[in-house]
Amino acid sequence: MAQGWKTAFTINGDSTTKTNLTHMNKTIRSMKTPSLEQLQREFDAAYEKQNAEDVSILAAFENKQLKSKNLIKKAIKLQKIKEKAEQKKAETATAES
């Protein structure tokens, strides 16, 4: 290396040097683990967001407002999944009667 240059820590660098190992140890020990309630709240928020997005995509597809090929494919898949779920619900309702 040229005179006056210093090496910086990178995830792809050589981790055998003492400074890199201490950096990794400090990083691992200072990480916080979320509780079960926090994970559940994050999951619920993500699920609601995804569900709202799916509903809006289906509504736009029914109104023929989608122009993106990827969104159209996604809407068709969502529609098939929705139909299958409705068929299962109808089958279980008739089986219970």
Protein backbone atom coordinates (compact mmCIF):
# COMPACT_ATOMS: atom_id res chain seq x y z
CA MET A 1 0.00 0.00 0.00
CA ALA A 2 1.05 3.55 -0.54
CA GLN A 3 2.36 5.57 2.34
CA GLY A 4 -0.39 7.13 4.49
CA TRP A 5 -3.16 4.83 3.28
CA LYS A 6 -5.37 3.04 5.77
CA THR A 7 -7.54 0.00 5.33
CA ALA A 8 -11.25 0.36 5.96
CA PHE A 9 -13.61 -2.30 7.22
CA THR A 10 -15.74 -3.92 4.57
CA ILE A 11 -17.85 -7.03 4.66
CA ASN A 12 -15.84 -8.47 1.77
CA GLY A 13 -12.45 -7.64 3.22
CA ASP A 14 -10.04 -9.79 5.14
CA SER A 15 -11.67 -10.41 8.50
CA THR A 16 -8.63 -11.95 10.12
CA THR A 17 -7.19 -8.67 11.32
CA LYS A 18 -7.76 -7.76 14.93
CA THR A 19 -9.66 -4.53 14.18
CA ASN A 20 -12.11 -6.31 11.91
CA LEU A 21 -12.79 -9.01 14.48
CA THR A 22 -13.39 -6.49 17.25
CA HIS A 23 -15.68 -4.52 14.97
CA MET A 24 -17.71 -7.64 14.18
CA ASN A 25 -17.89 -8.66 17.84
CA LYS A 26 -19.08 -5.20 18.85
CA THR A 27 -21.68 -5.18 16.07
CA ILE A 28 -23.03 -8.61 16.98
CA ARG A 29 -23.24 -7.83 20.70
CA SER A 30 -24.94 -4.48 20.20
CA MET A 31 -27.72 -5.84 17.96
CA LYS A 32 -31.16 -5.80 19.52
CA THR A 33 -33.56 -8.68 19.13
CA PRO A 34 -37.21 -7.68 18.71
CA SER A 35 -39.76 -9.23 21.02
CA LEU A 36 -42.54 -11.51 19.88
CA GLU A 37 -45.11 -8.72 20.16
CA GLN A 38 -42.98 -6.38 18.02
CA LEU A 39 -42.57 -9.07 15.38
CA GLN A 40 -46.32 -9.73 15.41
CA ARG A 41 -47.10 -6.01 14.97
CA GLU A 42 -44.64 -5.77 12.06
CA PHE A 43 -46.17 -8.86 10.46
CA ASP A 44 -49.72 -7.52 10.84
CA ALA A 45 -48.74 -4.16 9.33
CA ALA A 46 -46.99 -5.83 6.39
CA TYR A 47 -49.95 -8.17 5.83
CA GLU A 48 -52.45 -5.30 5.83
CA LYS A 49 -50.27 -3.31 3.43
CA GLN A 50 -49.96 -6.28 1.04
CA ASN A 51 -53.68 -7.01 1.26
CA ALA A 52 -54.57 -3.38 0.46
CA GLU A 53 -52.19 -3.44 -2.51
CA ASP A 54 -53.74 -6.65 -3.83
CA VAL A 55 -57.26 -5.23 -3.53
CA SER A 56 -56.26 -2.06 -5.38
CA ILE A 57 -54.58 -4.07 -8.15
CA LEU A 58 -57.70 -6.22 -8.58
CA ALA A 59 -59.95 -3.15 -8.64
CA ALA A 60 -57.77 -1.47 -11.26
CA PHE A 61 -57.75 -4.69 -13.31
CA GLU A 62 -61.54 -4.92 -13.25
CA ASN A 63 -61.77 -1.27 -14.39
CA LYS A 64 -59.20 -1.98 -17.13
CA GLN A 65 -56.83 0.70 -15.83
CA LEU A 66 -53.68 -1.45 -15.65
CA LYS A 67 -51.09 -0.92 -18.36
CA SER A 68 -48.09 -2.75 -16.93
CA LYS A 69 -47.74 -6.33 -18.13
CA ASN A 70 -46.35 -7.42 -14.77
CA LEU A 71 -49.28 -5.94 -12.87
CA ILE A 72 -51.75 -7.54 -15.28
CA LYS A 73 -50.11 -10.95 -14.73
CA LYS A 74 -50.19 -10.39 -10.98
CA ALA A 75 -53.86 -9.41 -11.12
CA ILE A 76 -54.73 -12.56 -13.07
CA LYS A 77 -52.90 -14.72 -10.51
CA LEU A 78 -54.65 -12.94 -7.65
CA GLN A 79 -57.99 -13.45 -9.34
CA LYS A 80 -57.34 -17.20 -9.71
CA ILE A 81 -56.30 -17.46 -6.06
CA LYS A 82 -59.43 -15.60 -5.02
CA GLU A 83 -61.63 -17.92 -7.08
CA LYS A 84 -59.99 -21.02 -5.58
CA ALA A 85 -60.51 -19.68 -2.07
CA GLU A 86 -64.18 -19.00 -2.81
CA GLN A 87 -64.60 -22.54 -4.20
CA LYS A 88 -63.04 -24.04 -1.06
CA LYS A 89 -65.31 -21.92 1.11
CA ALA A 90 -68.36 -23.06 -0.83
CA GLU A 91 -67.29 -26.72 -0.62
CA THR A 92 -66.78 -26.54 3.14
CA ALA A 93 -70.13 -24.80 3.55
CA THR A 94 -71.94 -27.52 1.61
CA ALA A 95 -70.06 -30.27 3.46
CA GLU A 96 -71.11 -28.85 6.83
CA SER A 97 -74.78 -28.66 5.84
